[in-house]
Amino acid sequence: VQLQASGGGLVQAGGSLRLSCAASGDILSRYYMAWFRQAPGQGRQHVSHITWSGGLQYYADSVKGRFTISRDNAKNTVYLQMNSLKPEDTAVYYCAARVARMGLWEYWGQGTQVTVSS
């Protein structure tokens, strides 16, 4: 599967953005999907993931209550709605996929830059 992330940009603190991750080459419903982010000089952080059908989601504590992950398997797309953005949310955001319920994230999209100004 190939993943293409989009939707990043520059936003003021308190604003919102919605990231999209479009999949091609396979059926999205076969995959657990996740969003990661990497800020300058820091390691990659697991932000959120969602199960095959979308019934269960995980969020890092730092984004819980502000970010929402969702998926539209018919459109082969996963979303990350980001509200109440903070400057510390500034990072390159990546989507990732894996087939199994657990294990390594096997497939990665290119990143999309999110910059939150104070």
C-alpha atoms as a PDB file:
ATOM      1  CA  VAL A   1       0.000   0.000   0.000  1.00  0.00           C
ATOM      2  CA  GLN A   2       1.171   3.533  -0.728  1.00  0.00           C
ATOM      3  CA  LEU A   3       0.243   6.372   1.604  1.00  0.00           C
ATOM      4  CA  GLN A   4      -0.006  10.061   0.796  1.00  0.00           C
ATOM      5  CA  ALA A   5      -0.431  12.544   3.633  1.00  0.00           C
ATOM      6  CA  SER A   6      -1.732  16.048   3.102  1.00  0.00           C
ATOM      7  CA  GLY A   7      -3.428  18.928   4.886  1.00  0.00           C
ATOM      8  CA  GLY A   8      -0.584  20.433   6.851  1.00  0.00           C
ATOM      9  CA  GLY A   9       0.045  24.139   7.034  1.00  0.00           C
ATOM     10  CA  LEU A  10       0.558  27.177   9.222  1.00  0.00           C
ATOM     11  CA  VAL A  11      -2.088  27.968  11.825  1.00  0.00           C
ATOM     12  CA  GLN A  12      -2.319  30.153  14.891  1.00  0.00           C
ATOM     13  CA  ALA A  13      -2.527  28.659  18.346  1.00  0.00           C
ATOM     14  CA  GLY A  14      -6.076  27.625  19.093  1.00  0.00           C
ATOM     15  CA  GLY A  15      -6.813  26.926  15.467  1.00  0.00           C
ATOM     16  CA  SER A  16      -7.649  23.708  13.665  1.00  0.00           C
ATOM     17  CA  LEU A  17      -6.344  21.605  10.814  1.00  0.00           C
ATOM     18  CA  ARG A  18      -7.451  18.329   9.283  1.00  0.00           C
ATOM     19  CA  LEU A  19      -4.839  15.986   7.930  1.00  0.00           C
ATOM     20  CA  SER A  20      -5.685  13.352   5.351  1.00  0.00           C
ATOM     21  CA  CYS A  21      -3.877  10.159   4.457  1.00  0.00           C
ATOM     22  CA  ALA A  22      -4.935   8.660   1.149  1.00  0.00           C
ATOM     23  CA  ALA A  23      -4.070   5.026   0.474  1.00  0.00           C
ATOM     24  CA  SER A  24      -3.570   3.435  -2.908  1.00  0.00           C
ATOM     25  CA  GLY A  25      -2.541   0.045  -4.150  1.00  0.00           C
ATOM     26  CA  ASP A  26      -4.605  -1.917  -1.644  1.00  0.00           C
ATOM     27  CA  ILE A  27      -7.827  -1.866   0.332  1.00  0.00           C
ATOM     28  CA  LEU A  28      -7.524   0.391   3.350  1.00  0.00           C
ATOM     29  CA  SER A  29      -9.780  -1.756   5.510  1.00  0.00           C
ATOM     30  CA  ARG A  30      -6.998  -4.389   5.688  1.00  0.00           C
ATOM     31  CA  TYR A  31      -4.851  -2.025   7.739  1.00  0.00           C
ATOM     32  CA  TYR A  32      -4.567  -0.558  11.177  1.00  0.00           C
ATOM     33  CA  MET A  33      -3.761   3.106  10.567  1.00  0.00           C
ATOM     34  CA  ALA A  34      -1.769   5.569  12.637  1.00  0.00           C
ATOM     35  CA  TRP A  35      -0.461   9.078  12.784  1.00  0.00           C
ATOM     36  CA  PHE A  36       3.008   9.904  14.088  1.00  0.00           C
ATOM     37  CA  ARG A  37       4.792  13.206  14.389  1.00  0.00           C
ATOM     38  CA  GLN A  38       8.369  14.359  14.648  1.00  0.00           C
ATOM     39  CA  ALA A  39       9.383  17.770  15.916  1.00  0.00           C
ATOM     40  CA  PRO A  40      12.819  19.216  15.136  1.00  0.00           C
ATOM     41  CA  GLY A  41      15.513  17.543  17.196  1.00  0.00           C
ATOM     42  CA  GLN A  42      13.097  15.020  18.673  1.00  0.00           C
ATOM     43  CA  GLY A  43      12.195  11.425  18.066  1.00  0.00           C
ATOM     44  CA  ARG A  44       9.074  10.242  16.304  1.00  0.00           C
ATOM     45  CA  GLN A  45       6.007  10.237  18.535  1.00  0.00           C
ATOM     46  CA  HIS A  46       3.005   7.961  18.143  1.00  0.00           C
ATOM     47  CA  VAL A  47       0.056  10.345  18.149  1.00  0.00           C
ATOM     48  CA  SER A  48      -2.948   8.170  17.394  1.00  0.00           C
ATOM     49  CA  HIS A  49      -4.113   4.976  15.759  1.00  0.00           C
ATOM     50  CA  ILE A  50      -7.366   3.398  14.690  1.00  0.00           C
ATOM     51  CA  THR A  51      -8.457  -0.189  14.177  1.00  0.00           C
ATOM     52  CA  TRP A  52      -9.491  -1.738  10.883  1.00  0.00           C
ATOM     53  CA  SER A  53     -13.157  -0.838  11.159  1.00  0.00           C
ATOM     54  CA  GLY A  54     -12.614   2.368  13.117  1.00  0.00           C
ATOM     55  CA  GLY A  55     -14.261   1.019  16.232  1.00  0.00           C
ATOM     56  CA  LEU A  56     -11.345   1.708  18.553  1.00  0.00           C
ATOM     57  CA  GLN A  57      -8.898   4.586  18.687  1.00  0.00           C
ATOM     58  CA  TYR A  58      -5.775   5.349  20.689  1.00  0.00           C
ATOM     59  CA  TYR A  59      -4.457   8.806  21.520  1.00  0.00           C
ATOM     60  CA  ALA A  60      -1.280  10.011  23.132  1.00  0.00           C
ATOM     61  CA  ASP A  61      -1.972  11.890  26.347  1.00  0.00           C
ATOM     62  CA  SER A  62      -0.619  15.083  24.814  1.00  0.00           C
ATOM     63  CA  VAL A  63      -3.391  15.176  22.183  1.00  0.00           C
ATOM     64  CA  LYS A  64      -6.267  13.461  23.958  1.00  0.00           C
ATOM     65  CA  GLY A  65      -9.413  15.563  23.820  1.00  0.00           C
ATOM     66  CA  ARG A  66      -8.051  17.765  21.025  1.00  0.00           C
ATOM     67  CA  PHE A  67      -7.318  15.376  18.154  1.00  0.00           C
ATOM     68  CA  THR A  68      -9.698  12.908  16.535  1.00  0.00           C
ATOM     69  CA  ILE A  69      -8.679  10.112  14.205  1.00  0.00           C
ATOM     70  CA  SER A  70     -11.223   8.678  11.784  1.00  0.00           C
ATOM     71  CA  ARG A  71     -11.302   6.640   8.637  1.00  0.00           C
ATOM     72  CA  ASP A  72     -13.466   6.301   5.557  1.00  0.00           C
ATOM     73  CA  ASN A  73     -12.667   2.914   4.116  1.00  0.00           C
ATOM     74  CA  ALA A  74     -14.882   3.564   1.118  1.00  0.00           C
ATOM     75  CA  LYS A  75     -12.646   6.515   0.247  1.00  0.00           C
ATOM     76  CA  ASN A  76      -9.447   4.732   1.291  1.00  0.00           C
ATOM     77  CA  THR A  77      -8.623   7.686   3.498  1.00  0.00           C
ATOM     78  CA  VAL A  78      -7.747   8.282   7.135  1.00  0.00           C
ATOM     79  CA  TYR A  79      -8.090  11.652   8.812  1.00  0.00           C
ATOM     80  CA  LEU A  80      -6.666  13.434  11.802  1.00  0.00           C
ATOM     81  CA  GLN A  81      -8.792  16.342  12.966  1.00  0.00           C
ATOM     82  CA  MET A  82      -6.653  18.609  15.118  1.00  0.00           C
ATOM     83  CA  ASN A  83      -8.373  21.246  17.250  1.00  0.00           C
ATOM     84  CA  SER A  84      -7.100  23.668  19.874  1.00  0.00           C
ATOM     85  CA  LEU A  85      -3.653  23.476  18.367  1.00  0.00           C
ATOM     86  CA  LYS A  86      -0.667  24.495  20.461  1.00  0.00           C
ATOM     87  CA  PRO A  87       2.827  25.586  19.408  1.00  0.00           C
ATOM     88  CA  GLU A  88       4.134  22.293  20.808  1.00  0.00           C
ATOM     89  CA  ASP A  89       2.075  20.469  18.169  1.00  0.00           C
ATOM     90  CA  THR A  90       4.457  21.833  15.542  1.00  0.00           C
ATOM     91  CA  ALA A  91       6.004  18.863  13.750  1.00  0.00           C
ATOM     92  CA  VAL A  92       6.090  16.850  10.591  1.00  0.00           C
ATOM     93  CA  TYR A  93       3.126  14.475  10.692  1.00  0.00           C
ATOM     94  CA  TYR A  94       3.297  11.025   9.106  1.00  0.00           C
ATOM     95  CA  CYS A  95       0.654   8.399   8.501  1.00  0.00           C
ATOM     96  CA  ALA A  96       1.495   4.738   8.814  1.00  0.00           C
ATOM     97  CA  ALA A  97      -0.166   1.371   8.287  1.00  0.00           C
ATOM     98  CA  ARG A  98       0.192  -2.207   9.386  1.00  0.00           C
ATOM     99  CA  VAL A  99      -1.806  -5.329   8.715  1.00  0.00           C
ATOM    100  CA  ALA A 100      -1.544  -6.967  12.123  1.00  0.00           C
ATOM    101  CA  ARG A 101      -3.198  -5.799  15.333  1.00  0.00           C
ATOM    102  CA  MET A 102       0.238  -5.481  16.909  1.00  0.00           C
ATOM    103  CA  GLY A 103       3.808  -5.152  15.673  1.00  0.00           C
ATOM    104  CA  LEU A 104       5.826  -2.802  13.556  1.00  0.00           C
ATOM    105  CA  TRP A 105       4.250  -0.157  11.402  1.00  0.00           C
ATOM    106  CA  GLU A 106       5.147  -1.464   7.979  1.00  0.00           C
ATOM    107  CA  TYR A 107       4.139   1.280   5.588  1.00  0.00           C
ATOM    108  CA  TRP A 108       4.764   5.003   5.830  1.00  0.00           C
ATOM    109  CA  GLY A 109       3.668   8.036   3.929  1.00  0.00           C
ATOM    110  CA  GLN A 110       5.731  11.121   3.370  1.00  0.00           C
ATOM    111  CA  GLY A 111       5.302  13.753   6.039  1.00  0.00           C
ATOM    112  CA  THR A 112       3.193  16.874   6.034  1.00  0.00           C
ATOM    113  CA  GLN A 113       4.396  19.908   7.979  1.00  0.00           C
ATOM    114  CA  VAL A 114       2.194  21.412  10.672  1.00  0.00           C
ATOM    115  CA  THR A 115       3.343  24.708  12.149  1.00  0.00           C
ATOM    116  CA  VAL A 116       1.451  26.357  14.999  1.00  0.00           C
ATOM    117  CA  SER A 117       2.363  29.941  15.768  1.00  0.00           C
ATOM    118  CA  SER A 118       1.896  31.483  19.198  1.00  0.00           C
END
